[in-house]
Amino acid sequence: MREVEVYDDFYNIDTTKFFGIKEIVKVTRNTYLKNTDHFSSEISFYISSKKMSAREYNIGIRSHWSVESMHYVKDVTFGEDASLIRSGNAPTNFSIIRNIAINVLRRQNYLNFPQAIRMLGGNIKKLCCLLE
């Protein structure tokens, strides 16, 4: 369960340190851990320069983490952050190629990308079939 609260009353907060601050957002995530029969609770705070509803913040924060999962796969599995490709259009082009590879593997219901790469990496015929 997720609860989002929005505050625009900055009682005892020196807002001069936060230029443009409009609201503070508190997100409480409560998770039931099936295997242990326990609850886990996590609280996060966000500073916003916009005024929005709690629902709009919830949608934005949740969608941000879906993007982060793509970045995680690109960095950990494909080593994007460690890449030495840095000049011209090459970084953008290789990022697009990585996105295509991730989307092709997801379309084929591969959930473990390193395993999929090991299984498919040397099989050119299989790779070509995935692109059809």
N, C-alpha and C. Protein backbone atom coordinates (compact mmCIF):
# COMPACT_ATOMS: atom_id res chain seq x y z
N MET A 1 0.84 -1.17 0.00
CA MET A 1 0.00 0.00 0.00
C MET A 1 0.89 1.24 0.00
N ARG A 2 0.46 2.24 -0.70
CA ARG A 2 1.22 3.48 -0.80
C ARG A 2 0.33 4.64 -0.41
N GLU A 3 0.87 5.52 0.41
CA GLU A 3 0.14 6.71 0.82
C GLU A 3 0.98 7.94 0.50
N VAL A 4 0.39 8.91 -0.17
CA VAL A 4 1.10 10.13 -0.56
C VAL A 4 0.44 11.32 0.13
N GLU A 5 1.25 12.11 0.82
CA GLU A 5 0.77 13.32 1.48
C GLU A 5 1.54 14.51 0.94
N VAL A 6 0.83 15.62 0.72
CA VAL A 6 1.44 16.83 0.18
C VAL A 6 1.31 17.95 1.19
N TYR A 7 2.42 18.65 1.45
CA TYR A 7 2.43 19.73 2.42
C TYR A 7 2.93 21.02 1.75
N ASP A 8 2.22 22.10 2.01
CA ASP A 8 2.71 23.40 1.55
C ASP A 8 2.88 24.38 2.71
N ASP A 9 2.73 23.88 3.92
CA ASP A 9 2.98 24.66 5.12
C ASP A 9 4.38 24.28 5.61
N PHE A 10 5.33 25.20 5.49
CA PHE A 10 6.72 24.90 5.79
C PHE A 10 7.11 25.33 7.20
N TYR A 11 6.31 24.96 8.17
CA TYR A 11 6.53 25.30 9.57
C TYR A 11 7.93 24.88 10.00
N ASN A 12 8.71 25.80 10.51
CA ASN A 12 10.07 25.56 11.02
C ASN A 12 11.07 25.11 9.96
N ILE A 13 10.79 25.33 8.70
CA ILE A 13 11.74 24.98 7.64
C ILE A 13 12.20 26.28 6.99
N ASP A 14 13.51 26.47 6.92
CA ASP A 14 14.08 27.66 6.29
C ASP A 14 14.04 27.46 4.78
N THR A 15 13.02 28.01 4.13
CA THR A 15 12.83 27.78 2.69
C THR A 15 13.81 28.57 1.83
N THR A 16 14.58 29.47 2.44
CA THR A 16 15.57 30.21 1.64
C THR A 16 16.67 29.28 1.14
N LYS A 17 16.83 28.13 1.76
CA LYS A 17 17.84 27.16 1.33
C LYS A 17 17.36 26.33 0.14
N PHE A 18 16.07 26.40 -0.16
CA PHE A 18 15.47 25.61 -1.22
C PHE A 18 14.77 26.55 -2.21
N PHE A 19 15.51 27.09 -3.14
CA PHE A 19 14.96 28.06 -4.08
C PHE A 19 13.82 27.45 -4.90
N GLY A 20 12.69 28.11 -4.92
CA GLY A 20 11.56 27.67 -5.74
C GLY A 20 10.69 26.59 -5.12
N ILE A 21 10.94 26.25 -3.86
CA ILE A 21 10.16 25.18 -3.23
C ILE A 21 8.70 25.59 -3.13
N LYS A 22 7.82 24.67 -3.55
CA LYS A 22 6.37 24.92 -3.46
C LYS A 22 5.71 23.92 -2.50
N GLU A 23 6.17 22.67 -2.54
CA GLU A 23 5.54 21.64 -1.71
C GLU A 23 6.56 20.60 -1.27
N ILE A 24 6.25 19.94 -0.19
CA ILE A 24 7.00 18.78 0.27
C ILE A 24 6.06 17.59 0.17
N VAL A 25 6.58 16.50 -0.37
CA VAL A 25 5.76 15.31 -0.59
C VAL A 25 6.31 14.18 0.27
N LYS A 26 5.43 13.54 0.99
CA LYS A 26 5.80 12.39 1.84
C LYS A 26 5.12 11.15 1.25
N VAL A 27 5.94 10.13 0.96
CA VAL A 27 5.41 8.87 0.42
C VAL A 27 5.71 7.77 1.42
N THR A 28 4.67 7.10 1.87
CA THR A 28 4.81 5.98 2.79
C THR A 28 4.44 4.71 2.03
N ARG A 29 5.38 3.77 1.99
CA ARG A 29 5.16 2.49 1.31
C ARG A 29 5.09 1.39 2.37
N ASN A 30 3.97 0.71 2.44
CA ASN A 30 3.80 -0.42 3.35
C ASN A 30 3.69 -1.69 2.52
N THR A 31 4.54 -2.65 2.83
CA THR A 31 4.58 -3.89 2.06
C THR A 31 4.43 -5.08 3.00
N TYR A 32 3.60 -5.99 2.59
CA TYR A 32 3.44 -7.25 3.34
C TYR A 32 4.41 -8.27 2.76
N LEU A 33 5.29 -8.81 3.59
CA LEU A 33 6.27 -9.80 3.17
C LEU A 33 5.69 -11.19 3.40
N LYS A 34 5.27 -11.84 2.32
CA LYS A 34 4.55 -13.11 2.42
C LYS A 34 5.32 -14.19 3.17
N ASN A 35 6.59 -14.35 2.85
CA ASN A 35 7.36 -15.46 3.42
C ASN A 35 7.61 -15.29 4.92
N THR A 36 7.67 -14.06 5.39
CA THR A 36 7.99 -13.83 6.80
C THR A 36 6.77 -13.44 7.63
N ASP A 37 5.66 -13.18 6.96
CA ASP A 37 4.43 -12.78 7.65
C ASP A 37 4.60 -11.46 8.41
N HIS A 38 5.45 -10.57 7.88
CA HIS A 38 5.71 -9.28 8.49
C HIS A 38 5.40 -8.16 7.51
N PHE A 39 5.27 -6.96 8.05
CA PHE A 39 5.09 -5.77 7.23
C PHE A 39 6.39 -4.98 7.20
N SER A 40 6.65 -4.38 6.08
CA SER A 40 7.79 -3.50 5.92
C SER A 40 7.25 -2.10 5.60
N SER A 41 7.84 -1.09 6.19
CA SER A 41 7.40 0.28 5.94
C SER A 41 8.58 1.14 5.58
N GLU A 42 8.40 1.97 4.56
CA GLU A 42 9.46 2.87 4.11
C GLU A 42 8.85 4.24 3.85
N ILE A 43 9.53 5.29 4.30
CA ILE A 43 9.04 6.65 4.09
C ILE A 43 10.08 7.42 3.29
N SER A 44 9.63 8.12 2.25
CA SER A 44 10.50 8.96 1.43
C SER A 44 9.91 10.36 1.38
N PHE A 45 10.79 11.34 1.30
CA PHE A 45 10.36 12.73 1.19
C PHE A 45 10.90 13.30 -0.11
N TYR A 46 10.10 14.14 -0.75
CA TYR A 46 10.49 14.80 -1.99
C TYR A 46 10.21 16.29 -1.85
N ILE A 47 11.05 17.10 -2.48
CA ILE A 47 10.85 18.54 -2.52
C ILE A 47 10.42 18.88 -3.94
N SER A 48 9.36 19.67 -4.06
CA SER A 48 8.84 19.98 -5.38
C SER A 48 8.76 21.49 -5.62
N SER A 49 9.04 21.87 -6.85
CA SER A 49 8.89 23.27 -7.25
C SER A 49 7.57 23.49 -7.97
N LYS A 50 6.71 22.47 -7.96
CA LYS A 50 5.39 22.55 -8.59
C LYS A 50 4.32 22.32 -7.54
N LYS A 51 3.11 22.73 -7.86
CA LYS A 51 1.95 22.41 -7.01
C LYS A 51 1.10 21.41 -7.77
N MET A 52 0.93 20.23 -7.17
CA MET A 52 0.15 19.16 -7.79
C MET A 52 -0.63 18.44 -6.71
N SER A 53 -1.53 17.59 -7.14
CA SER A 53 -2.30 16.78 -6.20
C SER A 53 -1.46 15.57 -5.78
N ALA A 54 -1.86 14.94 -4.68
CA ALA A 54 -1.18 13.74 -4.21
C ALA A 54 -1.23 12.65 -5.28
N ARG A 55 -2.35 12.56 -5.98
CA ARG A 55 -2.50 11.54 -7.04
C ARG A 55 -1.49 11.77 -8.16
N GLU A 56 -1.31 13.04 -8.56
CA GLU A 56 -0.35 13.34 -9.63
C GLU A 56 1.08 13.03 -9.19
N TYR A 57 1.42 13.34 -7.94
CA TYR A 57 2.75 12.98 -7.44
C TYR A 57 2.93 11.47 -7.42
N ASN A 58 1.91 10.75 -6.98
CA ASN A 58 1.99 9.29 -6.93
C ASN A 58 2.28 8.71 -8.32
N ILE A 59 1.56 9.18 -9.32
CA ILE A 59 1.77 8.69 -10.69
C ILE A 59 3.18 9.02 -11.17
N GLY A 60 3.64 10.24 -10.91
CA GLY A 60 4.97 10.65 -11.34
C GLY A 60 6.08 9.86 -10.67
N ILE A 61 5.95 9.65 -9.36
CA ILE A 61 6.98 8.92 -8.62
C ILE A 61 7.02 7.46 -9.06
N ARG A 62 5.86 6.85 -9.24
CA ARG A 62 5.81 5.45 -9.68
C ARG A 62 6.39 5.29 -11.09
N SER A 63 6.07 6.21 -11.99
CA SER A 63 6.58 6.09 -13.36
C SER A 63 8.08 6.33 -13.41
N HIS A 64 8.60 7.15 -12.50
CA HIS A 64 10.05 7.36 -12.44
C HIS A 64 10.78 6.04 -12.19
N TRP A 65 10.25 5.21 -11.29
CA TRP A 65 10.94 3.96 -10.97
C TRP A 65 10.86 2.96 -12.10
N SER A 66 9.86 3.03 -12.96
CA SER A 66 9.84 2.14 -14.13
C SER A 66 10.95 2.51 -15.09
N VAL A 67 11.26 3.80 -15.20
CA VAL A 67 12.38 4.24 -16.03
C VAL A 67 13.69 3.78 -15.41
N GLU A 68 13.79 3.87 -14.11
CA GLU A 68 15.01 3.45 -13.42
C GLU A 68 15.31 1.97 -13.65
N SER A 69 14.28 1.13 -13.76
CA SER A 69 14.54 -0.29 -14.00
C SER A 69 15.19 -0.48 -15.36
N MET A 70 14.81 0.31 -16.36
CA MET A 70 15.44 0.24 -17.68
C MET A 70 16.90 0.68 -17.57
N HIS A 71 17.17 1.76 -16.82
CA HIS A 71 18.54 2.22 -16.64
C HIS A 71 19.38 1.17 -15.91
N TYR A 72 18.78 0.48 -14.95
CA TYR A 72 19.49 -0.55 -14.21
C TYR A 72 19.93 -1.68 -15.14
N VAL A 73 19.02 -2.14 -15.98
CA VAL A 73 19.35 -3.21 -16.92
C VAL A 73 20.44 -2.75 -17.87
N LYS A 74 20.31 -1.52 -18.37
CA LYS A 74 21.30 -1.02 -19.32
C LYS A 74 22.67 -0.88 -18.66
N ASP A 75 22.71 -0.47 -17.41
CA ASP A 75 23.99 -0.28 -16.75
C ASP A 75 24.58 -1.59 -16.26
N VAL A 76 23.81 -2.38 -15.52
CA VAL A 76 24.35 -3.60 -14.92
C VAL A 76 24.58 -4.69 -15.97
N THR A 77 23.60 -4.95 -16.81
CA THR A 77 23.71 -6.04 -17.77
C THR A 77 24.57 -5.66 -18.97
N PHE A 78 24.37 -4.45 -19.48
CA PHE A 78 25.07 -4.03 -20.69
C PHE A 78 26.26 -3.11 -20.41
N GLY A 79 26.50 -2.76 -19.14
CA GLY A 79 27.67 -1.96 -18.78
C GLY A 79 27.70 -0.57 -19.40
N GLU A 80 26.54 0.05 -19.56
CA GLU A 80 26.47 1.33 -20.26
C GLU A 80 27.31 2.42 -19.57
N ASP A 81 27.25 2.51 -18.25
CA ASP A 81 28.00 3.56 -17.56
C ASP A 81 29.51 3.38 -17.67
N ALA A 82 29.96 2.14 -17.84
CA ALA A 82 31.39 1.87 -17.96
C ALA A 82 31.89 1.97 -19.39
N SER A 83 30.98 2.19 -20.32
CA SER A 83 31.35 2.24 -21.74
C SER A 83 32.33 3.37 -22.02
N LEU A 84 33.30 3.10 -22.88
CA LEU A 84 34.27 4.11 -23.27
C LEU A 84 33.86 4.82 -24.56
N ILE A 85 32.69 4.50 -25.06
CA ILE A 85 32.18 5.14 -26.28
C ILE A 85 31.64 6.51 -25.86
N ARG A 86 32.35 7.58 -26.29
CA ARG A 86 31.98 8.90 -25.77
C ARG A 86 31.94 10.01 -26.82
N SER A 87 32.24 9.74 -28.07
CA SER A 87 32.34 10.85 -29.02
C SER A 87 31.28 10.77 -30.11
N GLY A 88 30.92 11.93 -30.62
CA GLY A 88 29.96 12.03 -31.71
C GLY A 88 28.60 11.46 -31.34
N ASN A 89 27.97 10.80 -32.30
CA ASN A 89 26.66 10.19 -32.11
C ASN A 89 26.74 8.78 -31.55
N ALA A 90 27.94 8.26 -31.40
CA ALA A 90 28.11 6.86 -30.97
C ALA A 90 27.42 6.53 -29.65
N PRO A 91 27.54 7.35 -28.60
CA PRO A 91 26.85 7.00 -27.34
C PRO A 91 25.34 6.87 -27.52
N THR A 92 24.74 7.80 -28.26
CA THR A 92 23.30 7.74 -28.50
C THR A 92 22.94 6.51 -29.32
N ASN A 93 23.71 6.24 -30.36
CA ASN A 93 23.44 5.09 -31.22
C ASN A 93 23.52 3.78 -30.44
N PHE A 94 24.55 3.63 -29.62
CA PHE A 94 24.68 2.40 -28.84
C PHE A 94 23.59 2.29 -27.78
N SER A 95 23.15 3.41 -27.23
CA SER A 95 22.04 3.39 -26.27
C SER A 95 20.77 2.90 -26.96
N ILE A 96 20.54 3.35 -28.18
CA ILE A 96 19.37 2.90 -28.94
C ILE A 96 19.46 1.40 -29.22
N ILE A 97 20.65 0.92 -29.58
CA ILE A 97 20.84 -0.51 -29.83
C ILE A 97 20.56 -1.32 -28.55
N ARG A 98 21.02 -0.82 -27.42
CA ARG A 98 20.74 -1.51 -26.14
C ARG A 98 19.24 -1.54 -25.86
N ASN A 99 18.55 -0.42 -26.11
CA ASN A 99 17.10 -0.39 -25.92
C ASN A 99 16.39 -1.41 -26.80
N ILE A 100 16.82 -1.50 -28.04
CA ILE A 100 16.23 -2.48 -28.97
C ILE A 100 16.45 -3.89 -28.43
N ALA A 101 17.68 -4.18 -27.99
CA ALA A 101 17.98 -5.52 -27.46
C ALA A 101 17.11 -5.84 -26.26
N ILE A 102 16.97 -4.89 -25.34
CA ILE A 102 16.14 -5.11 -24.15
C ILE A 102 14.69 -5.36 -24.54
N ASN A 103 14.17 -4.55 -25.47
CA ASN A 103 12.78 -4.71 -25.88
C ASN A 103 12.54 -6.02 -26.61
N VAL A 104 13.50 -6.46 -27.43
CA VAL A 104 13.36 -7.75 -28.12
C VAL A 104 13.34 -8.88 -27.10
N LEU A 105 14.23 -8.83 -26.11
CA LEU A 105 14.27 -9.88 -25.09
C LEU A 105 13.00 -9.88 -24.24
N ARG A 106 12.51 -8.69 -23.90
CA ARG A 106 11.26 -8.62 -23.12
C ARG A 106 10.08 -9.14 -23.92
N ARG A 107 10.03 -8.84 -25.21
CA ARG A 107 8.95 -9.32 -26.07
C ARG A 107 8.92 -10.85 -26.13
N GLN A 108 10.08 -11.46 -25.98
CA GLN A 108 10.19 -12.92 -25.98
C GLN A 108 10.05 -13.51 -24.57
N ASN A 109 9.65 -12.66 -23.61
CA ASN A 109 9.41 -13.07 -22.21
C ASN A 109 10.65 -13.54 -21.47
N TYR A 110 11.82 -13.04 -21.86
CA TYR A 110 13.02 -13.31 -21.08
C TYR A 110 13.02 -12.37 -19.88
N LEU A 111 13.16 -12.92 -18.69
CA LEU A 111 13.17 -12.12 -17.48
C LEU A 111 14.59 -11.95 -16.93
N ASN A 112 15.46 -12.90 -17.24
CA ASN A 112 16.83 -12.86 -16.76
C ASN A 112 17.72 -12.51 -17.96
N PHE A 113 18.09 -11.24 -18.09
CA PHE A 113 18.82 -10.79 -19.26
C PHE A 113 20.22 -11.38 -19.39
N PRO A 114 21.00 -11.48 -18.32
CA PRO A 114 22.32 -12.10 -18.48
C PRO A 114 22.22 -13.55 -18.99
N GLN A 115 21.24 -14.29 -18.48
CA GLN A 115 21.05 -15.67 -18.94
C GLN A 115 20.63 -15.69 -20.41
N ALA A 116 19.73 -14.80 -20.79
CA ALA A 116 19.29 -14.72 -22.19
C ALA A 116 20.45 -14.40 -23.11
N ILE A 117 21.31 -13.49 -22.68
CA ILE A 117 22.47 -13.12 -23.50
C ILE A 117 23.41 -14.31 -23.65
N ARG A 118 23.63 -15.06 -22.56
CA ARG A 118 24.49 -16.25 -22.65
C ARG A 118 23.88 -17.30 -23.59
N MET A 119 22.56 -17.46 -23.53
CA MET A 119 21.89 -18.48 -24.34
C MET A 119 21.84 -18.09 -25.82
N LEU A 120 21.67 -16.80 -26.08
CA LEU A 120 21.45 -16.35 -27.45
C LEU A 120 22.69 -15.76 -28.12
N GLY A 121 23.65 -15.36 -27.32
CA GLY A 121 24.79 -14.60 -27.84
C GLY A 121 25.53 -15.26 -28.98
N GLY A 122 25.68 -16.56 -28.96
CA GLY A 122 26.42 -17.24 -30.02
C GLY A 122 25.53 -17.88 -31.06
N ASN A 123 24.23 -17.68 -30.97
CA ASN A 123 23.29 -18.33 -31.88
C ASN A 123 22.69 -17.29 -32.83
N ILE A 124 23.39 -17.05 -33.92
CA ILE A 124 22.99 -16.01 -34.87
C ILE A 124 21.63 -16.32 -35.48
N LYS A 125 21.36 -17.59 -35.79
CA LYS A 125 20.05 -17.94 -36.38
C LYS A 125 18.91 -17.61 -35.43
N LYS A 126 19.07 -17.93 -34.16
CA LYS A 126 18.05 -17.64 -33.16
C LYS A 126 17.86 -16.13 -32.99
N LEU A 127 18.98 -15.40 -32.98
CA LEU A 127 18.89 -13.93 -32.86
C LEU A 127 18.12 -13.34 -34.06
N CYS A 128 18.41 -13.83 -35.25
CA CYS A 128 17.69 -13.33 -36.43
C CYS A 128 16.20 -13.65 -36.36
N CYS A 129 15.85 -14.81 -35.82
CA CYS A 129 14.44 -15.18 -35.67
C CYS A 129 13.73 -14.24 -34.70
N LEU A 130 14.44 -13.78 -33.68
CA LEU A 130 13.82 -12.88 -32.71
C LEU A 130 13.49 -11.53 -33.32
N LEU A 131 14.20 -11.15 -34.34
CA LEU A 131 13.99 -9.85 -34.97
C LEU A 131 12.92 -9.86 -36.06
N GLU A 132 12.42 -11.03 -36.40
CA GLU A 132 11.41 -11.12 -37.47
C GLU A 132 10.06 -10.68 -36.98
